[in-house]
N, C-alpha and C. Protein backbone atom coordinates (compact mmCIF):
# COMPACT_ATOMS: atom_id res chain seq x y z
N UNK A 1 345.89 -38.49 45.08
CA UNK A 1 346.23 -37.12 45.42
C UNK A 1 345.06 -36.40 46.09
N UNK A 2 343.87 -36.73 45.64
CA UNK A 2 342.68 -36.10 46.20
C UNK A 2 342.49 -36.48 47.68
N UNK A 3 342.78 -37.75 47.99
CA UNK A 3 342.67 -38.21 49.39
C UNK A 3 343.65 -37.46 50.28
N UNK A 4 344.86 -37.28 49.80
CA UNK A 4 345.88 -36.60 50.60
C UNK A 4 345.47 -35.15 50.86
N UNK A 5 344.98 -34.47 49.84
CA UNK A 5 344.57 -33.08 50.04
C UNK A 5 343.39 -32.98 51.00
N UNK A 6 342.51 -33.98 50.96
CA UNK A 6 341.39 -34.00 51.89
C UNK A 6 341.89 -34.15 53.33
N UNK A 7 342.88 -35.03 53.55
CA UNK A 7 343.45 -35.23 54.88
C UNK A 7 344.21 -34.00 55.35
N UNK A 8 344.89 -33.33 54.43
CA UNK A 8 345.65 -32.12 54.78
C UNK A 8 344.72 -31.04 55.31
N UNK A 9 343.52 -31.00 54.81
CA UNK A 9 342.53 -30.03 55.27
C UNK A 9 341.79 -30.56 56.50
N UNK A 10 341.43 -31.82 56.49
CA UNK A 10 340.58 -32.40 57.54
C UNK A 10 341.29 -32.50 58.88
N UNK A 11 342.53 -32.95 58.90
CA UNK A 11 343.24 -33.16 60.17
C UNK A 11 343.40 -31.86 60.96
N UNK A 12 343.93 -30.77 60.37
CA UNK A 12 344.02 -29.53 61.14
C UNK A 12 342.66 -29.00 61.58
N UNK A 13 341.64 -29.19 60.74
CA UNK A 13 340.30 -28.75 61.10
C UNK A 13 339.78 -29.50 62.32
N UNK A 14 339.99 -30.80 62.36
CA UNK A 14 339.55 -31.61 63.51
C UNK A 14 340.29 -31.17 64.77
N UNK A 15 341.60 -30.94 64.68
CA UNK A 15 342.35 -30.48 65.85
C UNK A 15 341.86 -29.11 66.32
N UNK A 16 341.57 -28.21 65.39
CA UNK A 16 341.09 -26.88 65.76
C UNK A 16 339.74 -26.97 66.47
N UNK A 17 338.84 -27.74 65.91
CA UNK A 17 337.51 -27.89 66.53
C UNK A 17 337.63 -28.57 67.89
N UNK A 18 338.48 -29.59 67.99
CA UNK A 18 338.64 -30.31 69.25
C UNK A 18 339.25 -29.43 70.34
N UNK A 19 340.01 -28.42 69.98
CA UNK A 19 340.58 -27.54 70.99
C UNK A 19 339.66 -26.37 71.31
N UNK A 20 338.85 -25.94 70.36
CA UNK A 20 337.97 -24.79 70.58
C UNK A 20 336.69 -25.19 71.33
N UNK A 21 336.16 -26.35 71.06
CA UNK A 21 334.90 -26.76 71.69
C UNK A 21 334.96 -26.78 73.22
N UNK A 22 335.99 -27.37 73.84
CA UNK A 22 336.02 -27.33 75.31
C UNK A 22 336.14 -25.91 75.86
N UNK A 23 336.88 -25.06 75.17
CA UNK A 23 337.01 -23.67 75.62
C UNK A 23 335.64 -22.99 75.59
N UNK A 24 334.90 -23.17 74.51
CA UNK A 24 333.57 -22.58 74.43
C UNK A 24 332.63 -23.18 75.47
N UNK A 25 332.68 -24.49 75.64
CA UNK A 25 331.82 -25.15 76.62
C UNK A 25 332.09 -24.63 78.03
N UNK A 26 333.36 -24.59 78.41
CA UNK A 26 333.71 -24.20 79.77
C UNK A 26 333.67 -22.69 79.98
N UNK A 27 333.29 -21.96 78.95
CA UNK A 27 333.04 -20.53 79.12
C UNK A 27 331.77 -20.33 79.93
N UNK A 28 330.80 -21.24 79.75
CA UNK A 28 329.52 -21.11 80.43
C UNK A 28 329.23 -22.23 81.42
N UNK A 29 329.91 -23.36 81.30
CA UNK A 29 329.68 -24.50 82.19
C UNK A 29 330.92 -24.69 83.06
N UNK A 30 330.75 -24.74 84.39
CA UNK A 30 331.92 -24.96 85.24
C UNK A 30 332.56 -26.32 84.96
N UNK A 31 333.87 -26.38 84.83
CA UNK A 31 334.52 -27.67 84.59
C UNK A 31 334.34 -28.57 85.81
N UNK A 32 334.22 -29.86 85.60
CA UNK A 32 334.00 -30.78 86.72
C UNK A 32 335.21 -30.89 87.64
N UNK A 33 336.38 -30.53 87.15
CA UNK A 33 337.60 -30.64 87.94
C UNK A 33 338.68 -29.83 87.24
N UNK A 34 339.87 -29.84 87.81
CA UNK A 34 341.01 -29.21 87.16
C UNK A 34 342.18 -30.18 87.23
N UNK A 35 343.22 -29.90 86.49
CA UNK A 35 344.37 -30.80 86.51
C UNK A 35 345.01 -30.84 87.89
N UNK A 36 345.03 -29.73 88.60
CA UNK A 36 345.59 -29.71 89.95
C UNK A 36 344.74 -30.57 90.88
N UNK A 37 343.43 -30.44 90.78
CA UNK A 37 342.54 -31.26 91.62
C UNK A 37 342.74 -32.74 91.34
N UNK A 38 342.86 -33.10 90.05
CA UNK A 38 343.07 -34.50 89.71
C UNK A 38 344.41 -35.01 90.22
N UNK A 39 345.44 -34.20 90.08
CA UNK A 39 346.77 -34.60 90.55
C UNK A 39 346.77 -34.80 92.07
N UNK A 40 346.20 -33.85 92.79
CA UNK A 40 346.14 -33.99 94.25
C UNK A 40 345.28 -35.16 94.66
N UNK A 41 344.19 -35.38 93.93
CA UNK A 41 343.32 -36.52 94.24
C UNK A 41 344.04 -37.84 94.07
N UNK A 42 344.84 -37.95 93.01
CA UNK A 42 345.61 -39.17 92.80
C UNK A 42 346.70 -39.33 93.85
N UNK A 43 347.35 -38.23 94.21
CA UNK A 43 348.44 -38.30 95.19
C UNK A 43 347.91 -38.63 96.58
N UNK A 44 346.76 -38.07 96.92
CA UNK A 44 346.20 -38.27 98.26
C UNK A 44 345.23 -39.45 98.32
N UNK A 45 344.83 -39.94 97.18
CA UNK A 45 343.93 -41.08 97.15
C UNK A 45 342.50 -40.77 97.52
N UNK A 46 342.11 -39.51 97.41
CA UNK A 46 340.72 -39.14 97.70
C UNK A 46 340.31 -37.98 96.80
N UNK A 47 339.03 -37.83 96.63
CA UNK A 47 338.50 -36.76 95.79
C UNK A 47 338.64 -35.41 96.48
N UNK A 48 338.82 -34.36 95.70
CA UNK A 48 338.90 -33.02 96.26
C UNK A 48 337.51 -32.51 96.58
N UNK A 49 337.40 -31.79 97.69
CA UNK A 49 336.14 -31.19 98.08
C UNK A 49 336.18 -29.73 97.67
N UNK A 50 335.33 -29.32 96.71
CA UNK A 50 335.35 -27.95 96.24
C UNK A 50 333.95 -27.51 95.86
N UNK A 51 333.80 -26.21 95.77
CA UNK A 51 332.53 -25.62 95.33
C UNK A 51 332.87 -24.41 94.48
N UNK A 52 332.44 -24.40 93.22
CA UNK A 52 332.68 -23.27 92.34
C UNK A 52 331.84 -22.09 92.79
N UNK A 53 332.40 -20.90 92.73
CA UNK A 53 331.65 -19.67 93.02
C UNK A 53 331.81 -18.73 91.82
N UNK A 54 330.89 -17.82 91.68
CA UNK A 54 330.97 -16.88 90.56
C UNK A 54 332.09 -15.87 90.80
N UNK A 55 332.55 -15.27 89.74
CA UNK A 55 333.61 -14.27 89.84
C UNK A 55 333.17 -13.09 90.70
N UNK A 56 331.89 -12.77 90.65
CA UNK A 56 331.38 -11.66 91.45
C UNK A 56 331.37 -11.98 92.94
N UNK A 57 331.46 -13.25 93.31
CA UNK A 57 331.42 -13.66 94.71
C UNK A 57 332.78 -13.55 95.41
N UNK A 58 333.84 -13.28 94.65
CA UNK A 58 335.15 -13.12 95.26
C UNK A 58 335.65 -11.71 94.99
N UNK A 59 336.60 -11.27 95.79
CA UNK A 59 337.10 -9.91 95.64
C UNK A 59 337.90 -9.78 94.34
N UNK A 60 337.91 -8.59 93.74
CA UNK A 60 338.69 -8.38 92.52
C UNK A 60 340.18 -8.65 92.74
N UNK A 61 340.67 -8.36 93.93
CA UNK A 61 342.08 -8.62 94.24
C UNK A 61 342.38 -10.12 94.24
N UNK A 62 341.45 -10.92 94.77
CA UNK A 62 341.66 -12.37 94.78
C UNK A 62 341.65 -12.92 93.35
N UNK A 63 340.76 -12.43 92.51
CA UNK A 63 340.71 -12.88 91.12
C UNK A 63 342.01 -12.52 90.40
N UNK A 64 342.49 -11.29 90.61
CA UNK A 64 343.74 -10.88 89.98
C UNK A 64 344.92 -11.69 90.52
N UNK A 65 344.89 -12.04 91.81
CA UNK A 65 345.97 -12.84 92.40
C UNK A 65 346.04 -14.23 91.77
N UNK A 66 344.89 -14.81 91.48
CA UNK A 66 344.87 -16.13 90.85
C UNK A 66 345.47 -16.05 89.46
N UNK A 67 345.10 -15.04 88.71
CA UNK A 67 345.65 -14.87 87.36
C UNK A 67 347.14 -14.54 87.44
N UNK A 68 347.51 -13.67 88.37
CA UNK A 68 348.91 -13.25 88.50
C UNK A 68 349.80 -14.41 88.94
N UNK A 69 349.25 -15.39 89.61
CA UNK A 69 350.04 -16.56 90.00
C UNK A 69 350.54 -17.29 88.76
N UNK A 70 349.80 -17.20 87.68
CA UNK A 70 350.20 -17.84 86.44
C UNK A 70 350.95 -16.87 85.53
N UNK A 71 350.50 -15.64 85.45
CA UNK A 71 351.07 -14.65 84.52
C UNK A 71 351.03 -13.27 85.17
N UNK A 72 352.14 -12.84 85.73
CA UNK A 72 352.19 -11.58 86.46
C UNK A 72 351.96 -10.37 85.57
N UNK A 73 352.19 -10.50 84.28
CA UNK A 73 352.00 -9.37 83.36
C UNK A 73 350.63 -9.39 82.69
N UNK A 74 349.74 -10.27 83.12
CA UNK A 74 348.45 -10.43 82.46
C UNK A 74 347.69 -9.11 82.29
N UNK A 75 347.63 -8.25 83.31
CA UNK A 75 346.87 -7.01 83.14
C UNK A 75 347.46 -6.06 82.09
N UNK A 76 348.72 -6.27 81.70
CA UNK A 76 349.37 -5.32 80.80
C UNK A 76 349.58 -5.85 79.38
N UNK A 77 349.04 -7.02 79.04
CA UNK A 77 349.13 -7.49 77.66
C UNK A 77 347.79 -8.03 77.20
N UNK A 78 347.69 -8.39 75.93
CA UNK A 78 346.41 -8.75 75.33
C UNK A 78 346.17 -10.25 75.25
N UNK A 79 346.87 -11.03 76.05
CA UNK A 79 346.64 -12.47 76.09
C UNK A 79 347.89 -13.29 75.87
N UNK A 80 348.86 -12.74 75.16
CA UNK A 80 350.14 -13.41 74.95
C UNK A 80 351.26 -12.48 75.40
N UNK A 81 352.10 -12.95 76.29
CA UNK A 81 353.24 -12.16 76.74
C UNK A 81 354.38 -12.37 75.75
N UNK A 82 354.43 -11.51 74.74
CA UNK A 82 355.40 -11.70 73.66
C UNK A 82 356.83 -11.60 74.15
N UNK A 83 357.10 -10.76 75.16
CA UNK A 83 358.45 -10.68 75.71
C UNK A 83 358.87 -12.02 76.33
N UNK A 84 357.98 -12.64 77.08
CA UNK A 84 358.28 -13.93 77.70
C UNK A 84 358.46 -15.02 76.64
N UNK A 85 357.66 -14.95 75.58
CA UNK A 85 357.79 -15.94 74.51
C UNK A 85 359.14 -15.79 73.82
N UNK A 86 359.54 -14.53 73.53
CA UNK A 86 360.84 -14.29 72.91
C UNK A 86 361.97 -14.80 73.81
N UNK A 87 361.87 -14.51 75.12
CA UNK A 87 362.89 -14.98 76.07
C UNK A 87 362.97 -16.50 76.08
N UNK A 88 361.82 -17.17 76.07
CA UNK A 88 361.80 -18.63 76.09
C UNK A 88 362.39 -19.21 74.82
N UNK A 89 362.07 -18.62 73.67
CA UNK A 89 362.62 -19.12 72.40
C UNK A 89 364.14 -18.95 72.41
N UNK A 90 364.61 -17.80 72.87
CA UNK A 90 366.06 -17.55 72.93
C UNK A 90 366.73 -18.53 73.89
N UNK A 91 366.13 -18.73 75.06
CA UNK A 91 366.67 -19.66 76.06
C UNK A 91 366.74 -21.07 75.50
N UNK A 92 365.65 -21.51 74.85
CA UNK A 92 365.60 -22.86 74.30
C UNK A 92 366.59 -23.05 73.16
N UNK A 93 366.80 -21.98 72.37
CA UNK A 93 367.75 -22.07 71.25
C UNK A 93 369.19 -22.25 71.75
N UNK A 94 369.46 -21.81 72.97
CA UNK A 94 370.80 -21.95 73.54
C UNK A 94 371.03 -23.32 74.16
N UNK A 95 370.00 -24.19 74.10
CA UNK A 95 370.15 -25.56 74.57
C UNK A 95 369.87 -25.74 76.05
N UNK A 96 369.30 -24.73 76.67
CA UNK A 96 368.97 -24.86 78.10
C UNK A 96 367.74 -25.72 78.30
N UNK A 97 367.36 -25.87 79.56
CA UNK A 97 366.15 -26.62 79.90
C UNK A 97 364.95 -25.91 79.25
N UNK A 98 364.06 -26.68 78.64
CA UNK A 98 362.92 -26.09 77.94
C UNK A 98 362.05 -25.27 78.88
N UNK A 99 361.66 -24.09 78.41
CA UNK A 99 360.77 -23.22 79.17
C UNK A 99 359.43 -23.17 78.47
């Protein structure tokens, strides 16, 4: 029983640390690539040519456009779009294509 309780605590802790460490690392270190770059590299058979620039080196509108491409409501919520999450849960509960 002691072993099981140790695993019940250890496994979620390992997953939490494994997910938080890359986020903390890439907060200060530019990632070597992105999933889009890797996908395009595999599809085209060549490495992507890119150069990271600081956020201050691009216009505020361009930065917002990049974020808005993923989440149009980003400026108006605190990190999670709860309305979109509720809509997705409702949609998925009805048996539609997963969102």
